[in-house]
């Protein structure tokens, strides 16, 4: 008797179809991907939830003190600033035409692309003493729904944001007409003008002054 024949492993004769196995594995991976891959609607909901969560995380103090964006400029070596939302443009001071019978703070008028605008010297408007030489070669055009005019400047320093917490309401040295048109003064001694009050002041309407 041949014992070897009894102990040898039995072969089924069935071969593994590796192509079919591969297809099954790929199908399983696709199913897994579908489970973990969110739909566009799910993605949108997730993004909205994250945005709402981030909005709630904003500190109340930071939200309250978002600051104001201003254009800072120099006038006779003093630093001034005015809210950029009231500034239409900065224009070179050229061909200034003086006007008779107007207050001293009205330097004259200029033609800005066909529009005639009055030009104001805020230092004279504030009755401030003249200090040092000044070039007065820039005009900052202020504009509201009902009024527009220009104020002169020597140099435009640029646009910046000033935190409201850094603005002092007034200083002992700022009194009278000057203080009435101020938002305040920063710790860097930048005088912030109140554009709203300037643009609503009837004294700055040149047409009403002519002929007085």
C-alpha atoms as a PDB file:
ATOM      1  CA  UNK A   1       0.000   0.000   0.000  1.00  0.00           C
ATOM      2  CA  UNK A   2       1.240   3.460  -0.869  1.00  0.00           C
ATOM      3  CA  UNK A   3       0.861   5.666   2.243  1.00  0.00           C
ATOM      4  CA  UNK A   4       2.056   8.658   0.340  1.00  0.00           C
ATOM      5  CA  UNK A   5      -1.175   8.801  -1.653  1.00  0.00           C
ATOM      6  CA  UNK A   6      -3.276   8.987   1.573  1.00  0.00           C
ATOM      7  CA  UNK A   7      -1.421  11.935   3.169  1.00  0.00           C
ATOM      8  CA  UNK A   8      -0.948  14.217   0.145  1.00  0.00           C
ATOM      9  CA  UNK A   9      -3.181  17.377   0.088  1.00  0.00           C
ATOM     10  CA  UNK A  10      -6.168  17.181  -2.153  1.00  0.00           C
ATOM     11  CA  UNK A  11      -6.324  19.742  -4.963  1.00  0.00           C
ATOM     12  CA  UNK A  12      -9.718  21.119  -5.857  1.00  0.00           C
ATOM     13  CA  UNK A  13      -8.693  21.965  -9.350  1.00  0.00           C
ATOM     14  CA  UNK A  14     -10.437  25.428  -9.074  1.00  0.00           C
ATOM     15  CA  UNK A  15      -8.207  28.413  -9.991  1.00  0.00           C
ATOM     16  CA  UNK A  16      -8.538  31.868  -8.361  1.00  0.00           C
ATOM     17  CA  UNK A  17      -9.899  34.513 -10.705  1.00  0.00           C
ATOM     18  CA  UNK A  18      -7.656  37.447  -9.723  1.00  0.00           C
ATOM     19  CA  UNK A  19      -9.391  39.783 -12.142  1.00  0.00           C
ATOM     20  CA  UNK A  20     -12.692  39.222 -10.356  1.00  0.00           C
ATOM     21  CA  UNK A  21     -11.044  39.729  -6.965  1.00  0.00           C
ATOM     22  CA  UNK A  22      -9.578  43.021  -8.142  1.00  0.00           C
ATOM     23  CA  UNK A  23     -12.967  44.224  -9.378  1.00  0.00           C
ATOM     24  CA  UNK A  24     -14.569  43.343  -6.029  1.00  0.00           C
ATOM     25  CA  UNK A  25     -11.895  45.253  -4.134  1.00  0.00           C
ATOM     26  CA  UNK A  26     -12.353  48.302  -6.360  1.00  0.00           C
ATOM     27  CA  UNK A  27     -16.111  48.187  -5.887  1.00  0.00           C
ATOM     28  CA  UNK A  28     -15.656  47.981  -2.133  1.00  0.00           C
ATOM     29  CA  UNK A  29     -13.326  51.012  -2.177  1.00  0.00           C
ATOM     30  CA  UNK A  30     -15.867  53.022  -4.185  1.00  0.00           C
ATOM     31  CA  UNK A  31     -18.540  52.175  -1.635  1.00  0.00           C
ATOM     32  CA  UNK A  32     -16.276  53.289   1.215  1.00  0.00           C
ATOM     33  CA  UNK A  33     -15.447  56.527  -0.606  1.00  0.00           C
ATOM     34  CA  UNK A  34     -19.125  57.287  -1.059  1.00  0.00           C
ATOM     35  CA  UNK A  35     -19.701  56.841   2.646  1.00  0.00           C
ATOM     36  CA  UNK A  36     -16.955  59.336   3.586  1.00  0.00           C
ATOM     37  CA  UNK A  37     -17.354  61.790   0.704  1.00  0.00           C
ATOM     38  CA  UNK A  38     -20.029  64.431   1.557  1.00  0.00           C
ATOM     39  CA  UNK A  39     -22.454  65.700  -1.033  1.00  0.00           C
ATOM     40  CA  UNK A  40     -22.270  69.376  -2.183  1.00  0.00           C
ATOM     41  CA  UNK A  41     -25.264  70.114   0.071  1.00  0.00           C
ATOM     42  CA  UNK A  42     -23.500  68.571   3.077  1.00  0.00           C
ATOM     43  CA  UNK A  43     -20.356  70.558   2.296  1.00  0.00           C
ATOM     44  CA  UNK A  44     -22.329  73.822   2.109  1.00  0.00           C
ATOM     45  CA  UNK A  45     -24.025  73.106   5.442  1.00  0.00           C
ATOM     46  CA  UNK A  46     -20.654  72.366   7.057  1.00  0.00           C
ATOM     47  CA  UNK A  47     -19.120  75.589   5.749  1.00  0.00           C
ATOM     48  CA  UNK A  48     -22.095  77.643   6.965  1.00  0.00           C
ATOM     49  CA  UNK A  49     -21.869  76.057  10.408  1.00  0.00           C
ATOM     50  CA  UNK A  50     -18.145  76.855  10.595  1.00  0.00           C
ATOM     51  CA  UNK A  51     -18.737  80.457   9.523  1.00  0.00           C
ATOM     52  CA  UNK A  52     -21.420  80.910  12.181  1.00  0.00           C
ATOM     53  CA  UNK A  53     -19.142  79.421  14.816  1.00  0.00           C
ATOM     54  CA  UNK A  54     -16.305  81.761  13.841  1.00  0.00           C
ATOM     55  CA  UNK A  55     -18.646  84.750  13.951  1.00  0.00           C
ATOM     56  CA  UNK A  56     -19.687  83.857  17.481  1.00  0.00           C
ATOM     57  CA  UNK A  57     -16.035  83.637  18.516  1.00  0.00           C
ATOM     58  CA  UNK A  58     -15.361  87.332  17.746  1.00  0.00           C
ATOM     59  CA  UNK A  59     -14.646  89.108  20.987  1.00  0.00           C
ATOM     60  CA  UNK A  60     -17.253  91.771  21.859  1.00  0.00           C
ATOM     61  CA  UNK A  61     -14.504  94.317  22.612  1.00  0.00           C
ATOM     62  CA  UNK A  62     -12.905  93.834  19.195  1.00  0.00           C
ATOM     63  CA  UNK A  63     -16.265  94.094  17.436  1.00  0.00           C
ATOM     64  CA  UNK A  64     -17.117  97.303  19.289  1.00  0.00           C
ATOM     65  CA  UNK A  65     -13.722  98.852  18.554  1.00  0.00           C
ATOM     66  CA  UNK A  66     -13.375  98.109  14.867  1.00  0.00           C
ATOM     67  CA  UNK A  67     -11.775 101.550  14.495  1.00  0.00           C
ATOM     68  CA  UNK A  68     -12.126 104.039  11.698  1.00  0.00           C
ATOM     69  CA  UNK A  69     -10.218 104.173   8.431  1.00  0.00           C
ATOM     70  CA  UNK A  70      -8.731 107.606   7.882  1.00  0.00           C
ATOM     71  CA  UNK A  71      -6.591 109.512   5.439  1.00  0.00           C
ATOM     72  CA  UNK A  72      -3.738 111.144   7.313  1.00  0.00           C
ATOM     73  CA  UNK A  73      -2.105 114.318   6.048  1.00  0.00           C
ATOM     74  CA  UNK A  74       0.298 117.058   7.086  1.00  0.00           C
ATOM     75  CA  UNK A  75      -0.526 120.725   7.226  1.00  0.00           C
ATOM     76  CA  UNK A  76       2.177 123.121   8.412  1.00  0.00           C
ATOM     77  CA  UNK A  77       3.999 120.265  10.182  1.00  0.00           C
ATOM     78  CA  UNK A  78       0.875 119.210  12.080  1.00  0.00           C
ATOM     79  CA  UNK A  79      -0.709 115.792  11.580  1.00  0.00           C
ATOM     80  CA  UNK A  80      -4.396 115.597  10.722  1.00  0.00           C
ATOM     81  CA  UNK A  81      -6.712 112.772   9.726  1.00  0.00           C
ATOM     82  CA  UNK A  82     -10.208 112.508   8.325  1.00  0.00           C
ATOM     83  CA  UNK A  83     -12.498 109.526   7.746  1.00  0.00           C
ATOM     84  CA  UNK A  84     -11.822 108.030   4.313  1.00  0.00           C
ATOM     85  CA  UNK A  85     -15.543 107.334   3.767  1.00  0.00           C
ATOM     86  CA  UNK A  86     -16.049 111.093   3.347  1.00  0.00           C
ATOM     87  CA  UNK A  87     -13.086 111.553   0.985  1.00  0.00           C
ATOM     88  CA  UNK A  88     -13.922 111.385  -2.697  1.00  0.00           C
ATOM     89  CA  UNK A  89     -10.394 111.857  -4.011  1.00  0.00           C
ATOM     90  CA  UNK A  90      -7.089 113.658  -3.613  1.00  0.00           C
ATOM     91  CA  UNK A  91      -6.396 116.221  -6.329  1.00  0.00           C
ATOM     92  CA  UNK A  92      -3.351 118.383  -7.067  1.00  0.00           C
ATOM     93  CA  UNK A  93      -3.813 122.038  -6.183  1.00  0.00           C
ATOM     94  CA  UNK A  94      -3.427 123.788  -9.541  1.00  0.00           C
ATOM     95  CA  UNK A  95      -4.806 127.013 -11.002  1.00  0.00           C
ATOM     96  CA  UNK A  96      -6.450 128.198  -7.806  1.00  0.00           C
ATOM     97  CA  UNK A  97      -8.748 131.132  -8.512  1.00  0.00           C
ATOM     98  CA  UNK A  98      -9.270 133.505  -5.538  1.00  0.00           C
ATOM     99  CA  UNK A  99     -12.799 134.667  -4.821  1.00  0.00           C
ATOM    100  CA  UNK A 100     -13.649 138.170  -3.633  1.00  0.00           C
ATOM    101  CA  UNK A 101     -16.035 138.758  -0.739  1.00  0.00           C
ATOM    102  CA  UNK A 102     -15.378 135.406   0.898  1.00  0.00           C
ATOM    103  CA  UNK A 103     -14.019 134.570   4.361  1.00  0.00           C
ATOM    104  CA  UNK A 104     -10.258 134.306   4.816  1.00  0.00           C
ATOM    105  CA  UNK A 105     -10.416 130.524   5.165  1.00  0.00           C
ATOM    106  CA  UNK A 106     -11.773 130.207   1.604  1.00  0.00           C
ATOM    107  CA  UNK A 107      -8.619 130.166  -0.510  1.00  0.00           C
ATOM    108  CA  UNK A 108     -10.537 130.128  -3.779  1.00  0.00           C
ATOM    109  CA  UNK A 109     -11.969 127.677  -6.290  1.00  0.00           C
ATOM    110  CA  UNK A 110     -10.493 125.020  -8.563  1.00  0.00           C
ATOM    111  CA  UNK A 111     -11.755 123.150 -11.587  1.00  0.00           C
ATOM    112  CA  UNK A 112     -11.781 119.396 -10.998  1.00  0.00           C
ATOM    113  CA  UNK A 113     -12.567 117.813 -14.376  1.00  0.00           C
ATOM    114  CA  UNK A 114     -15.240 120.394 -15.141  1.00  0.00           C
ATOM    115  CA  UNK A 115     -16.613 120.657 -11.590  1.00  0.00           C
ATOM    116  CA  UNK A 116     -15.996 123.879  -9.661  1.00  0.00           C
ATOM    117  CA  UNK A 117     -15.076 123.286  -6.015  1.00  0.00           C
ATOM    118  CA  UNK A 118     -14.235 125.691  -3.234  1.00  0.00           C
ATOM    119  CA  UNK A 119     -10.972 125.130  -1.379  1.00  0.00           C
ATOM    120  CA  UNK A 120     -10.770 125.601   2.394  1.00  0.00           C
ATOM    121  CA  UNK A 121      -7.744 126.190   4.602  1.00  0.00           C
ATOM    122  CA  UNK A 122      -8.749 124.460   7.824  1.00  0.00           C
ATOM    123  CA  UNK A 123      -6.015 126.172   9.829  1.00  0.00           C
ATOM    124  CA  UNK A 124      -7.552 129.540   9.004  1.00  0.00           C
ATOM    125  CA  UNK A 125     -11.028 128.128   9.559  1.00  0.00           C
ATOM    126  CA  UNK A 126      -9.916 127.052  13.045  1.00  0.00           C
ATOM    127  CA  UNK A 127      -8.266 130.449  13.653  1.00  0.00           C
ATOM    128  CA  UNK A 128      -4.934 128.746  14.283  1.00  0.00           C
ATOM    129  CA  UNK A 129      -1.657 130.659  14.082  1.00  0.00           C
ATOM    130  CA  UNK A 130       0.494 130.077  11.014  1.00  0.00           C
ATOM    131  CA  UNK A 131       3.514 127.899  11.771  1.00  0.00           C
ATOM    132  CA  UNK A 132       6.400 127.374   9.372  1.00  0.00           C
ATOM    133  CA  UNK A 133       6.405 127.173   5.610  1.00  0.00           C
ATOM    134  CA  UNK A 134       3.711 125.256   3.811  1.00  0.00           C
ATOM    135  CA  UNK A 135       3.455 123.974   0.232  1.00  0.00           C
ATOM    136  CA  UNK A 136      -0.332 123.526   0.008  1.00  0.00           C
ATOM    137  CA  UNK A 137      -0.066 121.398  -3.118  1.00  0.00           C
ATOM    138  CA  UNK A 138      -2.775 118.821  -2.402  1.00  0.00           C
ATOM    139  CA  UNK A 139      -6.548 119.102  -2.174  1.00  0.00           C
ATOM    140  CA  UNK A 140      -8.541 116.485  -0.290  1.00  0.00           C
ATOM    141  CA  UNK A 141     -12.027 116.531  -1.790  1.00  0.00           C
ATOM    142  CA  UNK A 142     -14.699 115.870   0.837  1.00  0.00           C
ATOM    143  CA  UNK A 143     -18.184 114.865  -0.259  1.00  0.00           C
ATOM    144  CA  UNK A 144     -21.590 114.149   1.207  1.00  0.00           C
ATOM    145  CA  UNK A 145     -25.005 113.846  -0.391  1.00  0.00           C
ATOM    146  CA  UNK A 146     -25.572 117.624  -0.178  1.00  0.00           C
ATOM    147  CA  UNK A 147     -22.120 119.207  -0.125  1.00  0.00           C
ATOM    148  CA  UNK A 148     -18.588 118.910  -1.441  1.00  0.00           C
ATOM    149  CA  UNK A 149     -15.457 121.005  -1.158  1.00  0.00           C
ATOM    150  CA  UNK A 150     -11.710 120.603  -0.811  1.00  0.00           C
ATOM    151  CA  UNK A 151      -9.333 121.129   2.093  1.00  0.00           C
ATOM    152  CA  UNK A 152      -5.669 121.857   1.473  1.00  0.00           C
ATOM    153  CA  UNK A 153      -2.765 119.742   2.648  1.00  0.00           C
ATOM    154  CA  UNK A 154       1.003 119.758   2.301  1.00  0.00           C
ATOM    155  CA  UNK A 155       1.588 116.005   2.249  1.00  0.00           C
ATOM    156  CA  UNK A 156      -0.726 112.994   2.148  1.00  0.00           C
ATOM    157  CA  UNK A 157       0.754 110.489   4.600  1.00  0.00           C
ATOM    158  CA  UNK A 158      -1.508 107.621   3.602  1.00  0.00           C
ATOM    159  CA  UNK A 159      -4.488 105.554   4.694  1.00  0.00           C
ATOM    160  CA  UNK A 160      -4.555 103.880   8.104  1.00  0.00           C
ATOM    161  CA  UNK A 161      -6.979 102.518  10.686  1.00  0.00           C
ATOM    162  CA  UNK A 162      -7.221 104.127  14.105  1.00  0.00           C
ATOM    163  CA  UNK A 163      -8.810 102.292  17.003  1.00  0.00           C
ATOM    164  CA  UNK A 164     -11.475 104.321  18.790  1.00  0.00           C
ATOM    165  CA  UNK A 165      -9.938 103.385  22.121  1.00  0.00           C
ATOM    166  CA  UNK A 166      -6.838 105.349  21.087  1.00  0.00           C
ATOM    167  CA  UNK A 167      -8.821 108.553  20.484  1.00  0.00           C
ATOM    168  CA  UNK A 168      -9.006 111.111  23.275  1.00  0.00           C
ATOM    169  CA  UNK A 169     -12.161 113.182  23.094  1.00  0.00           C
ATOM    170  CA  UNK A 170     -10.321 116.448  23.727  1.00  0.00           C
ATOM    171  CA  UNK A 171      -7.230 118.069  25.156  1.00  0.00           C
ATOM    172  CA  UNK A 172      -6.961 121.177  27.344  1.00  0.00           C
ATOM    173  CA  UNK A 173      -5.141 122.980  24.525  1.00  0.00           C
ATOM    174  CA  UNK A 174      -8.003 122.383  22.068  1.00  0.00           C
ATOM    175  CA  UNK A 175     -10.805 124.825  22.692  1.00  0.00           C
ATOM    176  CA  UNK A 176     -13.382 126.874  20.833  1.00  0.00           C
ATOM    177  CA  UNK A 177     -14.043 126.379  17.146  1.00  0.00           C
ATOM    178  CA  UNK A 178     -11.284 123.819  16.768  1.00  0.00           C
ATOM    179  CA  UNK A 179     -12.747 121.429  19.318  1.00  0.00           C
ATOM    180  CA  UNK A 180     -16.229 121.684  17.792  1.00  0.00           C
ATOM    181  CA  UNK A 181     -15.019 120.027  14.581  1.00  0.00           C
ATOM    182  CA  UNK A 182     -12.908 117.283  16.122  1.00  0.00           C
ATOM    183  CA  UNK A 183     -13.510 113.611  16.754  1.00  0.00           C
ATOM    184  CA  UNK A 184     -10.465 113.703  19.000  1.00  0.00           C
ATOM    185  CA  UNK A 185      -6.704 113.414  19.185  1.00  0.00           C
ATOM    186  CA  UNK A 186      -4.655 110.208  19.253  1.00  0.00           C
ATOM    187  CA  UNK A 187      -1.740 109.417  21.527  1.00  0.00           C
ATOM    188  CA  UNK A 188       0.480 110.175  18.518  1.00  0.00           C
ATOM    189  CA  UNK A 189      -0.925 113.723  18.418  1.00  0.00           C
ATOM    190  CA  UNK A 190      -2.901 113.122  15.231  1.00  0.00           C
ATOM    191  CA  UNK A 191      -5.865 115.510  15.110  1.00  0.00           C
ATOM    192  CA  UNK A 192      -8.909 113.668  13.744  1.00  0.00           C
ATOM    193  CA  UNK A 193     -11.399 115.961  12.048  1.00  0.00           C
ATOM    194  CA  UNK A 194     -15.138 115.387  12.139  1.00  0.00           C
ATOM    195  CA  UNK A 195     -15.951 115.229   8.432  1.00  0.00           C
ATOM    196  CA  UNK A 196     -19.675 115.034   9.105  1.00  0.00           C
ATOM    197  CA  UNK A 197     -19.738 118.364  10.938  1.00  0.00           C
ATOM    198  CA  UNK A 198     -17.551 120.033   8.317  1.00  0.00           C
ATOM    199  CA  UNK A 199     -19.759 118.837   5.471  1.00  0.00           C
ATOM    200  CA  UNK A 200     -22.941 119.977   7.216  1.00  0.00           C
ATOM    201  CA  UNK A 201     -21.679 123.418   8.276  1.00  0.00           C
ATOM    202  CA  UNK A 202     -23.432 126.215   6.408  1.00  0.00           C
ATOM    203  CA  UNK A 203     -20.477 128.533   7.024  1.00  0.00           C
ATOM    204  CA  UNK A 204     -18.518 126.477   4.508  1.00  0.00           C
ATOM    205  CA  UNK A 205     -21.062 126.969   1.724  1.00  0.00           C
ATOM    206  CA  UNK A 206     -19.252 129.534  -0.386  1.00  0.00           C
ATOM    207  CA  UNK A 207     -22.287 130.524  -2.417  1.00  0.00           C
ATOM    208  CA  UNK A 208     -23.940 131.959   0.685  1.00  0.00           C
ATOM    209  CA  UNK A 209     -20.856 133.977   1.536  1.00  0.00           C
ATOM    210  CA  UNK A 210     -20.381 135.712  -1.779  1.00  0.00           C
ATOM    211  CA  UNK A 211     -21.640 139.288  -1.797  1.00  0.00           C
ATOM    212  CA  UNK A 212     -21.674 139.747   1.986  1.00  0.00           C
END
